[in-house]
Amino acid sequence: MNLSEKSVENVEFMIEQIKEKLKVLNLGAIKPSHFDEEMYEELKEIYEMVLKKKSFSPNEMQALVEELGSLRKK
């Protein structure tokens, strides 16, 4: 997958990967439809950071969820 291109499919892929890595229990809380391509670069940065880490502290998890929340469509 070429994540250098902004696309709905890439947004969906990154969100699903982030949810899987963070083991998000409330799957409805973070949906690809909540995000659009305008926030693509920010979402990609979060995606890359999440994939690099093996585990997350509760504070890191909270910060990531808050950051994703700030990127949601208004």
PDB file of N, CA and C in Angstrom:
ATOM      1  N   MET A   1       0.845  -1.177   0.000  1.00  0.00           N
ATOM      2  CA  MET A   1       0.000   0.000   0.000  1.00  0.00           C
ATOM      3  C   MET A   1       0.887   1.235   0.000  1.00  0.00           C
ATOM      4  N   ASN A   2       0.568   2.169  -0.863  1.00  0.00           N
ATOM      5  CA  ASN A   2       1.343   3.398  -0.988  1.00  0.00           C
ATOM      6  C   ASN A   2       0.685   4.498  -0.141  1.00  0.00           C
ATOM      7  N   LEU A   3       1.201   4.695   1.048  1.00  0.00           N
ATOM      8  CA  LEU A   3       0.615   5.677   1.962  1.00  0.00           C
ATOM      9  C   LEU A   3       1.056   7.101   1.663  1.00  0.00           C
ATOM     10  N   SER A   4       1.889   7.283   0.659  1.00  0.00           N
ATOM     11  CA  SER A   4       2.286   8.646   0.301  1.00  0.00           C
ATOM     12  C   SER A   4       1.167   9.365  -0.452  1.00  0.00           C
ATOM     13  N   GLU A   5       0.171   8.627  -0.906  1.00  0.00           N
ATOM     14  CA  GLU A   5      -0.963   9.214  -1.618  1.00  0.00           C
ATOM     15  C   GLU A   5      -2.138   9.408  -0.672  1.00  0.00           C
ATOM     16  N   LYS A   6      -2.724  10.593  -0.703  1.00  0.00           N
ATOM     17  CA  LYS A   6      -3.914  10.853   0.103  1.00  0.00           C
ATOM     18  C   LYS A   6      -5.099  10.173  -0.563  1.00  0.00           C
ATOM     19  N   SER A   7      -5.749   9.272   0.177  1.00  0.00           N
ATOM     20  CA  SER A   7      -6.944   8.631  -0.354  1.00  0.00           C
ATOM     21  C   SER A   7      -7.800   8.130   0.800  1.00  0.00           C
ATOM     22  N   VAL A   8      -9.058   7.948   0.526  1.00  0.00           N
ATOM     23  CA  VAL A   8      -9.984   7.417   1.525  1.00  0.00           C
ATOM     24  C   VAL A   8      -9.541   6.018   1.944  1.00  0.00           C
ATOM     25  N   GLU A   9      -9.089   5.236   0.981  1.00  0.00           N
ATOM     26  CA  GLU A   9      -8.640   3.872   1.277  1.00  0.00           C
ATOM     27  C   GLU A   9      -7.450   3.875   2.227  1.00  0.00           C
ATOM     28  N   ASN A  10      -6.516   4.797   2.033  1.00  0.00           N
ATOM     29  CA  ASN A  10      -5.355   4.873   2.915  1.00  0.00           C
ATOM     30  C   ASN A  10      -5.756   5.326   4.317  1.00  0.00           C
ATOM     31  N   VAL A  11      -6.704   6.257   4.403  1.00  0.00           N
ATOM     32  CA  VAL A  11      -7.207   6.687   5.713  1.00  0.00           C
ATOM     33  C   VAL A  11      -7.826   5.489   6.422  1.00  0.00           C
ATOM     34  N   GLU A  12      -8.650   4.733   5.720  1.00  0.00           N
ATOM     35  CA  GLU A  12      -9.291   3.556   6.313  1.00  0.00           C
ATOM     36  C   GLU A  12      -8.244   2.548   6.781  1.00  0.00           C
ATOM     37  N   PHE A  13      -7.241   2.303   5.955  1.00  0.00           N
ATOM     38  CA  PHE A  13      -6.189   1.351   6.301  1.00  0.00           C
ATOM     39  C   PHE A  13      -5.456   1.780   7.569  1.00  0.00           C
ATOM     40  N   MET A  14      -5.052   3.039   7.626  1.00  0.00           N
ATOM     41  CA  MET A  14      -4.292   3.520   8.788  1.00  0.00           C
ATOM     42  C   MET A  14      -5.122   3.469  10.056  1.00  0.00           C
ATOM     43  N   ILE A  15      -6.388   3.869   9.978  1.00  0.00           N
ATOM     44  CA  ILE A  15      -7.253   3.828  11.162  1.00  0.00           C
ATOM     45  C   ILE A  15      -7.412   2.391  11.654  1.00  0.00           C
ATOM     46  N   GLU A  16      -7.642   1.465  10.750  1.00  0.00           N
ATOM     47  CA  GLU A  16      -7.804   0.066  11.152  1.00  0.00           C
ATOM     48  C   GLU A  16      -6.523  -0.478  11.780  1.00  0.00           C
ATOM     49  N   GLN A  17      -5.377  -0.121  11.242  1.00  0.00           N
ATOM     50  CA  GLN A  17      -4.100  -0.569  11.798  1.00  0.00           C
ATOM     51  C   GLN A  17      -3.863   0.031  13.192  1.00  0.00           C
ATOM     52  N   ILE A  18      -4.191   1.299  13.357  1.00  0.00           N
ATOM     53  CA  ILE A  18      -4.044   1.959  14.660  1.00  0.00           C
ATOM     54  C   ILE A  18      -4.947   1.276  15.679  1.00  0.00           C
ATOM     55  N   LYS A  19      -6.198   1.028  15.310  1.00  0.00           N
ATOM     56  CA  LYS A  19      -7.135   0.371  16.225  1.00  0.00           C
ATOM     57  C   LYS A  19      -6.632  -1.008  16.630  1.00  0.00           C
ATOM     58  N   GLU A  20      -6.115  -1.752  15.672  1.00  0.00           N
ATOM     59  CA  GLU A  20      -5.611  -3.093  15.966  1.00  0.00           C
ATOM     60  C   GLU A  20      -4.410  -3.038  16.902  1.00  0.00           C
ATOM     61  N   LYS A  21      -3.486  -2.133  16.623  1.00  0.00           N
ATOM     62  CA  LYS A  21      -2.267  -2.025  17.433  1.00  0.00           C
ATOM     63  C   LYS A  21      -2.586  -1.559  18.860  1.00  0.00           C
ATOM     64  N   LEU A  22      -3.529  -0.626  18.981  1.00  0.00           N
ATOM     65  CA  LEU A  22      -3.881  -0.107  20.301  1.00  0.00           C
ATOM     66  C   LEU A  22      -4.885  -0.984  21.020  1.00  0.00           C
ATOM     67  N   LYS A  23      -5.395  -1.998  20.316  1.00  0.00           N
ATOM     68  CA  LYS A  23      -6.402  -2.900  20.889  1.00  0.00           C
ATOM     69  C   LYS A  23      -7.602  -2.106  21.410  1.00  0.00           C
ATOM     70  N   VAL A  24      -8.126  -1.248  20.544  1.00  0.00           N
ATOM     71  CA  VAL A  24      -9.269  -0.421  20.902  1.00  0.00           C
ATOM     72  C   VAL A  24     -10.468  -1.324  21.151  1.00  0.00           C
ATOM     73  N   LEU A  25     -11.030  -1.236  22.345  1.00  0.00           N
ATOM     74  CA  LEU A  25     -12.156  -2.091  22.703  1.00  0.00           C
ATOM     75  C   LEU A  25     -13.470  -1.573  22.142  1.00  0.00           C
ATOM     76  N   ASN A  26     -13.654  -0.287  22.154  1.00  0.00           N
ATOM     77  CA  ASN A  26     -14.876   0.304  21.614  1.00  0.00           C
ATOM     78  C   ASN A  26     -14.639   0.624  20.144  1.00  0.00           C
ATOM     79  N   LEU A  27     -14.842  -0.378  19.296  1.00  0.00           N
ATOM     80  CA  LEU A  27     -14.511  -0.238  17.885  1.00  0.00           C
ATOM     81  C   LEU A  27     -15.327   0.840  17.199  1.00  0.00           C
ATOM     82  N   GLY A  28     -16.494   1.146  17.720  1.00  0.00           N
ATOM     83  CA  GLY A  28     -17.319   2.187  17.136  1.00  0.00           C
ATOM     84  C   GLY A  28     -16.817   3.583  17.446  1.00  0.00           C
ATOM     85  N   ALA A  29     -15.935   3.700  18.418  1.00  0.00           N
ATOM     86  CA  ALA A  29     -15.444   5.021  18.821  1.00  0.00           C
ATOM     87  C   ALA A  29     -14.521   5.629  17.777  1.00  0.00           C
ATOM     88  N   ILE A  30     -13.816   4.783  17.060  1.00  0.00           N
ATOM     89  CA  ILE A  30     -12.885   5.265  16.042  1.00  0.00           C
ATOM     90  C   ILE A  30     -13.237   4.574  14.729  1.00  0.00           C
ATOM     91  N   LYS A  31     -13.834   5.326  13.830  1.00  0.00           N
ATOM     92  CA  LYS A  31     -14.211   4.783  12.533  1.00  0.00           C
ATOM     93  C   LYS A  31     -13.504   5.567  11.435  1.00  0.00           C
ATOM     94  N   PRO A  32     -13.123   4.877  10.375  1.00  0.00           N
ATOM     95  CA  PRO A  32     -12.492   5.600   9.255  1.00  0.00           C
ATOM     96  C   PRO A  32     -13.370   6.727   8.721  1.00  0.00           C
ATOM     97  N   SER A  33     -14.677   6.577   8.793  1.00  0.00           N
ATOM     98  CA  SER A  33     -15.579   7.618   8.280  1.00  0.00           C
ATOM     99  C   SER A  33     -15.517   8.901   9.105  1.00  0.00           C
ATOM    100  N   HIS A  34     -14.911   8.854  10.281  1.00  0.00           N
ATOM    101  CA  HIS A  34     -14.774  10.033  11.133  1.00  0.00           C
ATOM    102  C   HIS A  34     -13.655  10.956  10.658  1.00  0.00           C
ATOM    103  N   PHE A  35     -12.868  10.493   9.700  1.00  0.00           N
ATOM    104  CA  PHE A  35     -11.686  11.231   9.270  1.00  0.00           C
ATOM    105  C   PHE A  35     -11.767  11.511   7.778  1.00  0.00           C
ATOM    106  N   ASP A  36     -11.168  12.604   7.363  1.00  0.00           N
ATOM    107  CA  ASP A  36     -11.111  12.887   5.936  1.00  0.00           C
ATOM    108  C   ASP A  36      -9.673  13.167   5.527  1.00  0.00           C
ATOM    109  N   GLU A  37      -9.490  13.393   4.256  1.00  0.00           N
ATOM    110  CA  GLU A  37      -8.149  13.551   3.712  1.00  0.00           C
ATOM    111  C   GLU A  37      -7.469  14.852   4.128  1.00  0.00           C
ATOM    112  N   GLU A  38      -8.215  15.807   4.648  1.00  0.00           N
ATOM    113  CA  GLU A  38      -7.610  17.071   5.077  1.00  0.00           C
ATOM    114  C   GLU A  38      -6.617  16.863   6.211  1.00  0.00           C
ATOM    115  N   MET A  39      -6.849  15.876   7.031  1.00  0.00           N
ATOM    116  CA  MET A  39      -5.978  15.593   8.172  1.00  0.00           C
ATOM    117  C   MET A  39      -5.029  14.432   7.885  1.00  0.00           C
ATOM    118  N   TYR A  40      -4.820  14.149   6.618  1.00  0.00           N
ATOM    119  CA  TYR A  40      -4.056  12.972   6.215  1.00  0.00           C
ATOM    120  C   TYR A  40      -2.651  12.948   6.804  1.00  0.00           C
ATOM    121  N   GLU A  41      -1.925  14.039   6.695  1.00  0.00           N
ATOM    122  CA  GLU A  41      -0.536  14.060   7.162  1.00  0.00           C
ATOM    123  C   GLU A  41      -0.455  13.827   8.671  1.00  0.00           C
ATOM    124  N   GLU A  42      -1.347  14.447   9.424  1.00  0.00           N
ATOM    125  CA  GLU A  42      -1.363  14.263  10.875  1.00  0.00           C
ATOM    126  C   GLU A  42      -1.694  12.815  11.224  1.00  0.00           C
ATOM    127  N   LEU A  43      -2.663  12.252  10.525  1.00  0.00           N
ATOM    128  CA  LEU A  43      -3.045  10.864  10.759  1.00  0.00           C
ATOM    129  C   LEU A  43      -1.890   9.924  10.407  1.00  0.00           C
ATOM    130  N   LYS A  44      -1.196  10.222   9.343  1.00  0.00           N
ATOM    131  CA  LYS A  44      -0.061   9.391   8.935  1.00  0.00           C
ATOM    132  C   LYS A  44       1.046   9.439   9.978  1.00  0.00           C
ATOM    133  N   GLU A  45       1.288  10.593  10.564  1.00  0.00           N
ATOM    134  CA  GLU A  45       2.307  10.704  11.618  1.00  0.00           C
ATOM    135  C   GLU A  45       1.938   9.834  12.820  1.00  0.00           C
ATOM    136  N   ILE A  46       0.674   9.879  13.219  1.00  0.00           N
ATOM    137  CA  ILE A  46       0.211   9.037  14.337  1.00  0.00           C
ATOM    138  C   ILE A  46       0.372   7.570  13.971  1.00  0.00           C
ATOM    139  N   TYR A  47      -0.057   7.206  12.773  1.00  0.00           N
ATOM    140  CA  TYR A  47       0.048   5.825  12.295  1.00  0.00           C
ATOM    141  C   TYR A  47       1.495   5.329  12.375  1.00  0.00           C
ATOM    142  N   GLU A  48       2.427   6.117  11.853  1.00  0.00           N
ATOM    143  CA  GLU A  48       3.836   5.702  11.845  1.00  0.00           C
ATOM    144  C   GLU A  48       4.385   5.575  13.255  1.00  0.00           C
ATOM    145  N   MET A  49       4.013   6.485  14.140  1.00  0.00           N
ATOM    146  CA  MET A  49       4.483   6.414  15.517  1.00  0.00           C
ATOM    147  C   MET A  49       3.917   5.184  16.235  1.00  0.00           C
ATOM    148  N   VAL A  50       2.630   4.910  16.018  1.00  0.00           N
ATOM    149  CA  VAL A  50       1.985   3.766  16.665  1.00  0.00           C
ATOM    150  C   VAL A  50       2.641   2.460  16.213  1.00  0.00           C
ATOM    151  N   LEU A  51       2.941   2.338  14.931  1.00  0.00           N
ATOM    152  CA  LEU A  51       3.533   1.102  14.435  1.00  0.00           C
ATOM    153  C   LEU A  51       4.955   0.886  14.932  1.00  0.00           C
ATOM    154  N   LYS A  52       5.667   1.947  15.261  1.00  0.00           N
ATOM    155  CA  LYS A  52       7.050   1.826  15.726  1.00  0.00           C
ATOM    156  C   LYS A  52       7.137   1.301  17.159  1.00  0.00           C
ATOM    157  N   LYS A  53       6.138   1.604  17.967  1.00  0.00           N
ATOM    158  CA  LYS A  53       6.197   1.230  19.387  1.00  0.00           C
ATOM    159  C   LYS A  53       5.640  -0.164  19.614  1.00  0.00           C
ATOM    160  N   LYS A  54       6.241  -0.866  20.572  1.00  0.00           N
ATOM    161  CA  LYS A  54       5.765  -2.209  20.907  1.00  0.00           C
ATOM    162  C   LYS A  54       4.603  -2.174  21.895  1.00  0.00           C
ATOM    163  N   SER A  55       4.634  -1.213  22.810  1.00  0.00           N
ATOM    164  CA  SER A  55       3.564  -1.117  23.808  1.00  0.00           C
ATOM    165  C   SER A  55       3.371   0.346  24.192  1.00  0.00           C
ATOM    166  N   PHE A  56       2.247   0.587  24.872  1.00  0.00           N
ATOM    167  CA  PHE A  56       1.878   1.953  25.232  1.00  0.00           C
ATOM    168  C   PHE A  56       1.446   2.002  26.692  1.00  0.00           C
ATOM    169  N   SER A  57       1.854   3.059  27.378  1.00  0.00           N
ATOM    170  CA  SER A  57       1.392   3.264  28.743  1.00  0.00           C
ATOM    171  C   SER A  57      -0.050   3.775  28.675  1.00  0.00           C
ATOM    172  N   PRO A  58      -0.775   3.690  29.780  1.00  0.00           N
ATOM    173  CA  PRO A  58      -2.134   4.247  29.783  1.00  0.00           C
ATOM    174  C   PRO A  58      -2.167   5.724  29.400  1.00  0.00           C
ATOM    175  N   ASN A  59      -1.184   6.489  29.847  1.00  0.00           N
ATOM    176  CA  ASN A  59      -1.128   7.914  29.497  1.00  0.00           C
ATOM    177  C   ASN A  59      -0.903   8.110  28.001  1.00  0.00           C
ATOM    178  N   GLU A  60      -0.044   7.288  27.405  1.00  0.00           N
ATOM    179  CA  GLU A  60       0.187   7.376  25.963  1.00  0.00           C
ATOM    180  C   GLU A  60      -1.076   7.013  25.189  1.00  0.00           C
ATOM    181  N   MET A  61      -1.759   5.976  25.653  1.00  0.00           N
ATOM    182  CA  MET A  61      -3.010   5.565  24.994  1.00  0.00           C
ATOM    183  C   MET A  61      -4.018   6.710  25.038  1.00  0.00           C
ATOM    184  N   GLN A  62      -4.157   7.329  26.199  1.00  0.00           N
ATOM    185  CA  GLN A  62      -5.091   8.439  26.355  1.00  0.00           C
ATOM    186  C   GLN A  62      -4.724   9.596  25.426  1.00  0.00           C
ATOM    187  N   ALA A  63      -3.439   9.910  25.360  1.00  0.00           N
ATOM    188  CA  ALA A  63      -2.986  10.998  24.494  1.00  0.00           C
ATOM    189  C   ALA A  63      -3.266  10.688  23.024  1.00  0.00           C
ATOM    190  N   LEU A  64      -3.051   9.448  22.617  1.00  0.00           N
ATOM    191  CA  LEU A  64      -3.318   9.063  21.228  1.00  0.00           C
ATOM    192  C   LEU A  64      -4.804   9.157  20.900  1.00  0.00           C
ATOM    193  N   VAL A  65      -5.634   8.691  21.800  1.00  0.00           N
ATOM    194  CA  VAL A  65      -7.074   8.764  21.579  1.00  0.00           C
ATOM    195  C   VAL A  65      -7.527  10.217  21.509  1.00  0.00           C
ATOM    196  N   GLU A  66      -6.999  11.056  22.375  1.00  0.00           N
ATOM    197  CA  GLU A  66      -7.339  12.479  22.339  1.00  0.00           C
ATOM    198  C   GLU A  66      -6.879  13.128  21.034  1.00  0.00           C
ATOM    199  N   GLU A  67      -5.697  12.770  20.590  1.00  0.00           N
ATOM    200  CA  GLU A  67      -5.182  13.322  19.328  1.00  0.00           C
ATOM    201  C   GLU A  67      -6.052  12.873  18.148  1.00  0.00           C
ATOM    202  N   LEU A  68      -6.411  11.599  18.126  1.00  0.00           N
ATOM    203  CA  LEU A  68      -7.296  11.116  17.069  1.00  0.00           C
ATOM    204  C   LEU A  68      -8.638  11.850  17.130  1.00  0.00           C
ATOM    205  N   GLY A  69      -9.114  12.089  18.337  1.00  0.00           N
ATOM    206  CA  GLY A  69     -10.371  12.826  18.503  1.00  0.00           C
ATOM    207  C   GLY A  69     -10.282  14.237  17.935  1.00  0.00           C
ATOM    208  N   SER A  70      -9.126  14.866  18.086  1.00  0.00           N
ATOM    209  CA  SER A  70      -8.970  16.226  17.577  1.00  0.00           C
ATOM    210  C   SER A  70      -8.901  16.250  16.046  1.00  0.00           C
ATOM    211  N   LEU A  71      -8.601  15.118  15.422  1.00  0.00           N
ATOM    212  CA  LEU A  71      -8.510  15.049  13.964  1.00  0.00           C
ATOM    213  C   LEU A  71      -9.846  14.692  13.305  1.00  0.00           C
ATOM    214  N   ARG A  72     -10.821  14.337  14.111  1.00  0.00           N
ATOM    215  CA  ARG A  72     -12.110  13.927  13.545  1.00  0.00           C
ATOM    216  C   ARG A  72     -12.759  15.070  12.797  1.00  0.00           C
ATOM    217  N   LYS A  73     -13.585  14.692  11.822  1.00  0.00           N
ATOM    218  CA  LYS A  73     -14.362  15.690  11.074  1.00  0.00           C
ATOM    219  C   LYS A  73     -15.236  16.455  12.024  1.00  0.00           C
ATOM    220  N   LYS A  74     -15.416  17.698  11.744  1.00  0.00           N
ATOM    221  CA  LYS A  74     -16.267  18.551  12.595  1.00  0.00           C
ATOM    222  C   LYS A  74     -17.700  18.495  12.114  1.00  0.00           C
TER     223      LYS A  74
END
